[in-house]
Amino acid sequence: MTMYGGYAKSGGTLYSQSYPADDYTAKLIPAAATNEWSTVLSEDRKTFSYILKRDGQLRFQADFDLTKPLSQ
């Protein structure tokens, strides 16, 4: 909806980055003003997670098992 690409907050690590909603997103979707998306790679590099929090509360989390190849 917003074509949001996002800018990571400072303080990210090799394994984790967080992307708060920008002003454009907040104006377009006021309820999403406190959204923060995160990408997390487990330190064992076996799981990749995509996480959405709103008002500091978990709203969505998708975990991908990187040890299993995608079927064709």
C-alpha atoms as a PDB file:
ATOM      1  CA  MET A   1       0.000   0.000   0.000  1.00  0.00           C
ATOM      2  CA  THR A   2       2.772   2.452   0.878  1.00  0.00           C
ATOM      3  CA  MET A   3       5.628   0.942  -1.166  1.00  0.00           C
ATOM      4  CA  TYR A   4       7.549   1.324   2.094  1.00  0.00           C
ATOM      5  CA  GLY A   5      11.193   0.425   1.816  1.00  0.00           C
ATOM      6  CA  GLY A   6      12.164   1.766   5.181  1.00  0.00           C
ATOM      7  CA  TYR A   7      15.262   2.947   6.946  1.00  0.00           C
ATOM      8  CA  ALA A   8      16.755   0.906   9.752  1.00  0.00           C
ATOM      9  CA  LYS A   9      17.051   2.398  13.221  1.00  0.00           C
ATOM     10  CA  SER A  10      20.523   2.882  14.572  1.00  0.00           C
ATOM     11  CA  GLY A  11      21.709   0.166  16.904  1.00  0.00           C
ATOM     12  CA  GLY A  12      21.005  -2.768  14.618  1.00  0.00           C
ATOM     13  CA  THR A  13      23.316  -5.736  14.558  1.00  0.00           C
ATOM     14  CA  LEU A  14      24.632  -8.222  12.041  1.00  0.00           C
ATOM     15  CA  TYR A  15      21.656 -10.420  12.968  1.00  0.00           C
ATOM     16  CA  SER A  16      18.854  -7.943  13.619  1.00  0.00           C
ATOM     17  CA  GLN A  17      17.534  -4.724  12.086  1.00  0.00           C
ATOM     18  CA  SER A  18      14.422  -2.723  12.995  1.00  0.00           C
ATOM     19  CA  TYR A  19      12.474  -0.370  10.755  1.00  0.00           C
ATOM     20  CA  PRO A  20       9.991   2.051  12.337  1.00  0.00           C
ATOM     21  CA  ALA A  21       7.079   3.472  10.354  1.00  0.00           C
ATOM     22  CA  ASP A  22       8.020   6.713   8.648  1.00  0.00           C
ATOM     23  CA  ASP A  23       5.989   9.938   8.635  1.00  0.00           C
ATOM     24  CA  TYR A  24       4.437   9.155   5.248  1.00  0.00           C
ATOM     25  CA  THR A  25       3.159   5.794   6.483  1.00  0.00           C
ATOM     26  CA  ALA A  26       1.836   7.353   9.710  1.00  0.00           C
ATOM     27  CA  LYS A  27      -0.103   9.988   7.755  1.00  0.00           C
ATOM     28  CA  LEU A  28      -1.458   7.473   5.246  1.00  0.00           C
ATOM     29  CA  ILE A  29      -2.366   4.854   7.877  1.00  0.00           C
ATOM     30  CA  PRO A  30      -2.629   6.537  11.296  1.00  0.00           C
ATOM     31  CA  ALA A  31      -3.095   3.192  13.076  1.00  0.00           C
ATOM     32  CA  ALA A  32       0.323   2.132  11.753  1.00  0.00           C
ATOM     33  CA  ALA A  33       2.186   5.125  13.193  1.00  0.00           C
ATOM     34  CA  THR A  34       3.792   2.984  15.912  1.00  0.00           C
ATOM     35  CA  ASN A  35       4.558   0.034  13.643  1.00  0.00           C
ATOM     36  CA  GLU A  36       8.050  -1.376  13.768  1.00  0.00           C
ATOM     37  CA  TRP A  37       9.157  -4.128  11.423  1.00  0.00           C
ATOM     38  CA  SER A  38      12.178  -6.244  12.226  1.00  0.00           C
ATOM     39  CA  THR A  39      14.258  -8.749  10.344  1.00  0.00           C
ATOM     40  CA  VAL A  40      16.137 -11.227  12.505  1.00  0.00           C
ATOM     41  CA  LEU A  41      18.582 -13.954  11.588  1.00  0.00           C
ATOM     42  CA  SER A  42      19.203 -16.410  14.409  1.00  0.00           C
ATOM     43  CA  GLU A  43      22.834 -16.574  15.478  1.00  0.00           C
ATOM     44  CA  ASP A  44      23.014 -20.201  14.325  1.00  0.00           C
ATOM     45  CA  ARG A  45      21.746 -18.928  10.944  1.00  0.00           C
ATOM     46  CA  LYS A  46      19.010 -21.542  10.845  1.00  0.00           C
ATOM     47  CA  THR A  47      15.979 -19.255  11.176  1.00  0.00           C
ATOM     48  CA  PHE A  48      15.050 -15.963   9.540  1.00  0.00           C
ATOM     49  CA  SER A  49      12.192 -14.036  11.154  1.00  0.00           C
ATOM     50  CA  TYR A  50      10.077 -11.154   9.891  1.00  0.00           C
ATOM     51  CA  ILE A  51       8.334  -9.433  12.781  1.00  0.00           C
ATOM     52  CA  LEU A  52       5.786  -6.640  13.095  1.00  0.00           C
ATOM     53  CA  LYS A  53       5.094  -4.900  16.375  1.00  0.00           C
ATOM     54  CA  ARG A  54       2.545  -2.143  16.986  1.00  0.00           C
ATOM     55  CA  ASP A  55       2.564  -0.155  20.207  1.00  0.00           C
ATOM     56  CA  GLY A  56       5.378  -2.464  21.327  1.00  0.00           C
ATOM     57  CA  GLN A  57       3.124  -5.535  21.076  1.00  0.00           C
ATOM     58  CA  LEU A  58       3.710  -8.416  18.686  1.00  0.00           C
ATOM     59  CA  ARG A  59       1.212  -8.279  15.785  1.00  0.00           C
ATOM     60  CA  PHE A  60       2.766 -10.712  13.320  1.00  0.00           C
ATOM     61  CA  GLN A  61       5.766 -13.001  13.090  1.00  0.00           C
ATOM     62  CA  ALA A  62       6.837 -15.252  10.244  1.00  0.00           C
ATOM     63  CA  ASP A  63       9.728 -17.635  10.906  1.00  0.00           C
ATOM     64  CA  PHE A  64      11.513 -19.284   8.011  1.00  0.00           C
ATOM     65  CA  ASP A  65      13.498 -22.480   8.516  1.00  0.00           C
ATOM     66  CA  LEU A  66      16.659 -21.919   6.490  1.00  0.00           C
ATOM     67  CA  THR A  67      17.737 -25.533   6.875  1.00  0.00           C
ATOM     68  CA  LYS A  68      14.995 -26.796   4.542  1.00  0.00           C
ATOM     69  CA  PRO A  69      15.201 -25.985   0.836  1.00  0.00           C
ATOM     70  CA  LEU A  70      12.083 -24.766  -0.954  1.00  0.00           C
ATOM     71  CA  SER A  71      10.378 -27.408  -3.022  1.00  0.00           C
ATOM     72  CA  GLN A  72      10.181 -26.767  -6.739  1.00  0.00           C
END
